C-alpha atoms as a PDB file:
ATOM      1  CA  UNK A   1      45.126 138.314 165.332  1.00  0.00           C
ATOM      2  CA  UNK A   2      47.110 141.119 163.799  1.00  0.00           C
ATOM      3  CA  UNK A   3      46.405 144.558 165.123  1.00  0.00           C
ATOM      4  CA  UNK A   4      47.782 147.836 163.884  1.00  0.00           C
ATOM      5  CA  UNK A   5      47.191 150.955 165.958  1.00  0.00           C
ATOM      6  CA  UNK A   6      48.068 154.315 164.505  1.00  0.00           C
ATOM      7  CA  UNK A   7      48.510 157.592 166.314  1.00  0.00           C
ATOM      8  CA  UNK A   8      49.984 161.044 165.811  1.00  0.00           C
ATOM      9  CA  UNK A   9      47.630 162.617 163.297  1.00  0.00           C
ATOM     10  CA  UNK A  10      46.125 166.037 163.728  1.00  0.00           C
ATOM     11  CA  UNK A  11      45.842 169.547 162.409  1.00  0.00           C
ATOM     12  CA  UNK A  12      48.981 171.414 161.459  1.00  0.00           C
ATOM     13  CA  UNK A  13      49.798 174.522 159.461  1.00  0.00           C
ATOM     14  CA  UNK A  14      51.526 174.325 156.128  1.00  0.00           C
ATOM     15  CA  UNK A  15      55.273 173.997 156.632  1.00  0.00           C
ATOM     16  CA  UNK A  16      54.837 172.200 159.938  1.00  0.00           C
ATOM     17  CA  UNK A  17      55.693 168.665 160.990  1.00  0.00           C
ATOM     18  CA  UNK A  18      53.980 165.620 162.381  1.00  0.00           C
ATOM     19  CA  UNK A  19      55.158 162.176 163.400  1.00  0.00           C
ATOM     20  CA  UNK A  20      52.844 159.225 162.945  1.00  0.00           C
ATOM     21  CA  UNK A  21      53.299 155.995 164.865  1.00  0.00           C
ATOM     22  CA  UNK A  22      51.942 152.519 164.225  1.00  0.00           C
ATOM     23  CA  UNK A  23      52.243 149.771 166.780  1.00  0.00           C
ATOM     24  CA  UNK A  24      51.875 146.264 165.454  1.00  0.00           C
ATOM     25  CA  UNK A  25      50.981 143.185 167.382  1.00  0.00           C
ATOM     26  CA  UNK A  26      53.707 140.733 168.048  1.00  0.00           C
ATOM     27  CA  UNK A  27      54.802 138.318 165.333  1.00  0.00           C
ATOM     28  CA  UNK A  28      54.011 140.231 162.189  1.00  0.00           C
ATOM     29  CA  UNK A  29      56.358 143.032 162.956  1.00  0.00           C
ATOM     30  CA  UNK A  30      59.616 141.124 162.981  1.00  0.00           C
ATOM     31  CA  UNK A  31      59.232 139.400 159.612  1.00  0.00           C
ATOM     32  CA  UNK A  32      57.155 141.701 157.453  1.00  0.00           C
ATOM     33  CA  UNK A  33      57.376 144.983 155.711  1.00  0.00           C
ATOM     34  CA  UNK A  34      55.488 147.890 157.273  1.00  0.00           C
ATOM     35  CA  UNK A  35      54.177 150.814 155.361  1.00  0.00           C
ATOM     36  CA  UNK A  36      52.116 153.977 155.278  1.00  0.00           C
ATOM     37  CA  UNK A  37      49.464 154.742 152.727  1.00  0.00           C
ATOM     38  CA  UNK A  38      47.125 157.680 152.508  1.00  0.00           C
ATOM     39  CA  UNK A  39      43.762 158.455 151.007  1.00  0.00           C
ATOM     40  CA  UNK A  40      42.413 161.906 150.366  1.00  0.00           C
ATOM     41  CA  UNK A  41      38.706 162.508 149.692  1.00  0.00           C
ATOM     42  CA  UNK A  42      37.793 161.498 146.194  1.00  0.00           C
ATOM     43  CA  UNK A  43      41.182 159.981 145.491  1.00  0.00           C
ATOM     44  CA  UNK A  44      42.656 156.495 145.456  1.00  0.00           C
ATOM     45  CA  UNK A  45      44.763 155.239 148.297  1.00  0.00           C
ATOM     46  CA  UNK A  46      48.451 155.818 147.531  1.00  0.00           C
ATOM     47  CA  UNK A  47      51.770 154.685 148.883  1.00  0.00           C
ATOM     48  CA  UNK A  48      53.548 157.090 151.136  1.00  0.00           C
ATOM     49  CA  UNK A  49      56.457 154.949 152.363  1.00  0.00           C
ATOM     50  CA  UNK A  50      57.292 151.358 153.187  1.00  0.00           C
ATOM     51  CA  UNK A  51      60.135 149.725 155.067  1.00  0.00           C
ATOM     52  CA  UNK A  52      61.124 146.083 155.113  1.00  0.00           C
ATOM     53  CA  UNK A  53      62.160 144.109 158.160  1.00  0.00           C
ATOM     54  CA  UNK A  54      65.782 144.412 156.922  1.00  0.00           C
ATOM     55  CA  UNK A  55      65.554 148.178 156.496  1.00  0.00           C
ATOM     56  CA  UNK A  56      64.984 148.586 152.771  1.00  0.00           C
ATOM     57  CA  UNK A  57      62.811 151.616 152.064  1.00  0.00           C
ATOM     58  CA  UNK A  58      60.612 152.797 149.241  1.00  0.00           C
ATOM     59  CA  UNK A  59      58.919 156.185 149.117  1.00  0.00           C
ATOM     60  CA  UNK A  60      56.019 157.352 147.081  1.00  0.00           C
ATOM     61  CA  UNK A  61      56.661 160.373 144.923  1.00  0.00           C
ATOM     62  CA  UNK A  62      54.777 162.690 147.257  1.00  0.00           C
ATOM     63  CA  UNK A  63      56.971 161.758 150.218  1.00  0.00           C
ATOM     64  CA  UNK A  64      60.431 161.978 148.704  1.00  0.00           C
ATOM     65  CA  UNK A  65      62.606 164.568 150.389  1.00  0.00           C
ATOM     66  CA  UNK A  66      60.054 165.487 153.039  1.00  0.00           C
ATOM     67  CA  UNK A  67      59.001 162.300 154.856  1.00  0.00           C
ATOM     68  CA  UNK A  68      61.088 159.705 156.629  1.00  0.00           C
ATOM     69  CA  UNK A  69      59.976 156.215 157.572  1.00  0.00           C
ATOM     70  CA  UNK A  70      61.687 154.266 160.301  1.00  0.00           C
ATOM     71  CA  UNK A  71      61.020 151.305 162.535  1.00  0.00           C
ATOM     72  CA  UNK A  72      61.878 150.281 166.071  1.00  0.00           C
ATOM     73  CA  UNK A  73      61.843 146.512 166.223  1.00  0.00           C
ATOM     74  CA  UNK A  74      62.092 146.455 169.979  1.00  0.00           C
ATOM     75  CA  UNK A  75      58.841 148.421 170.214  1.00  0.00           C
ATOM     76  CA  UNK A  76      57.034 146.798 167.249  1.00  0.00           C
ATOM     77  CA  UNK A  77      56.560 150.293 165.949  1.00  0.00           C
ATOM     78  CA  UNK A  78      56.945 152.016 162.623  1.00  0.00           C
ATOM     79  CA  UNK A  79      57.133 155.792 162.359  1.00  0.00           C
ATOM     80  CA  UNK A  80      56.500 158.339 159.678  1.00  0.00           C
ATOM     81  CA  UNK A  81      58.184 161.696 160.226  1.00  0.00           C
ATOM     82  CA  UNK A  82      56.530 164.266 158.013  1.00  0.00           C
ATOM     83  CA  UNK A  83      58.186 167.626 157.488  1.00  0.00           C
ATOM     84  CA  UNK A  84      57.384 170.619 155.299  1.00  0.00           C
ATOM     85  CA  UNK A  85      53.745 169.582 155.190  1.00  0.00           C
ATOM     86  CA  UNK A  86      51.538 170.954 152.455  1.00  0.00           C
ATOM     87  CA  UNK A  87      47.740 171.263 152.220  1.00  0.00           C
ATOM     88  CA  UNK A  88      47.794 168.507 149.606  1.00  0.00           C
ATOM     89  CA  UNK A  89      49.152 166.134 152.260  1.00  0.00           C
ATOM     90  CA  UNK A  90      45.714 166.262 153.911  1.00  0.00           C
ATOM     91  CA  UNK A  91      44.401 162.720 154.005  1.00  0.00           C
ATOM     92  CA  UNK A  92      43.697 159.740 156.189  1.00  0.00           C
ATOM     93  CA  UNK A  93      46.951 157.902 156.741  1.00  0.00           C
ATOM     94  CA  UNK A  94      46.833 154.140 157.103  1.00  0.00           C
ATOM     95  CA  UNK A  95      49.399 151.749 158.448  1.00  0.00           C
ATOM     96  CA  UNK A  96      49.876 148.561 156.452  1.00  0.00           C
ATOM     97  CA  UNK A  97      51.591 145.312 157.310  1.00  0.00           C
ATOM     98  CA  UNK A  98      51.994 141.785 156.049  1.00  0.00           C
ATOM     99  CA  UNK A  99      53.900 142.313 152.839  1.00  0.00           C
ATOM    100  CA  UNK A 100      57.128 140.466 152.296  1.00  0.00           C
ATOM    101  CA  UNK A 101      59.039 143.288 150.650  1.00  0.00           C
ATOM    102  CA  UNK A 102      58.830 146.974 149.907  1.00  0.00           C
ATOM    103  CA  UNK A 103      57.178 146.019 146.599  1.00  0.00           C
ATOM    104  CA  UNK A 104      54.258 144.115 148.096  1.00  0.00           C
ATOM    105  CA  UNK A 105      51.086 145.242 149.777  1.00  0.00           C
ATOM    106  CA  UNK A 106      50.291 143.643 153.089  1.00  0.00           C
ATOM    107  CA  UNK A 107      46.939 142.229 154.068  1.00  0.00           C
ATOM    108  CA  UNK A 108      46.566 144.122 157.303  1.00  0.00           C
ATOM    109  CA  UNK A 109      45.438 147.673 157.816  1.00  0.00           C
ATOM    110  CA  UNK A 110      45.113 150.013 160.738  1.00  0.00           C
ATOM    111  CA  UNK A 111      42.054 152.134 161.332  1.00  0.00           C
ATOM    112  CA  UNK A 112      43.658 155.250 159.935  1.00  0.00           C
ATOM    113  CA  UNK A 113      44.635 158.596 161.393  1.00  0.00           C
ATOM    114  CA  UNK A 114      43.542 161.931 159.992  1.00  0.00           C
ATOM    115  CA  UNK A 115      46.170 164.452 158.952  1.00  0.00           C
ATOM    116  CA  UNK A 116      44.921 167.913 158.078  1.00  0.00           C
ATOM    117  CA  UNK A 117      47.260 170.621 156.816  1.00  0.00           C
ATOM    118  CA  UNK A 118      45.900 174.124 156.743  1.00  0.00           C
ATOM    119  CA  UNK A 119      47.180 176.785 154.346  1.00  0.00           C
END
């Protein structure tokens, strides 16, 4: 069974940084794309960033220039480094896996981690 466990969320002031981590269970990590999505209250879930198993990356518009996605295959972990955070970045951030490319949505989701940015 695929498991995705996120960590690293919290409360930060505007302009600050956070790094989110998502550890995936075994086999899915090596072959699939891994991504981060977020959902703010009253809004639809949106793409933040996604990285393929070969290192191709796609960012959502809100993340470009401020966030960096990376993966450590040896640790089955994908990271999201978030800099210059803004109050509008406040949302629950979800890890996603199972897609075959940076253009596909995977079937597996983590439980989500709350990110709150205060002004």
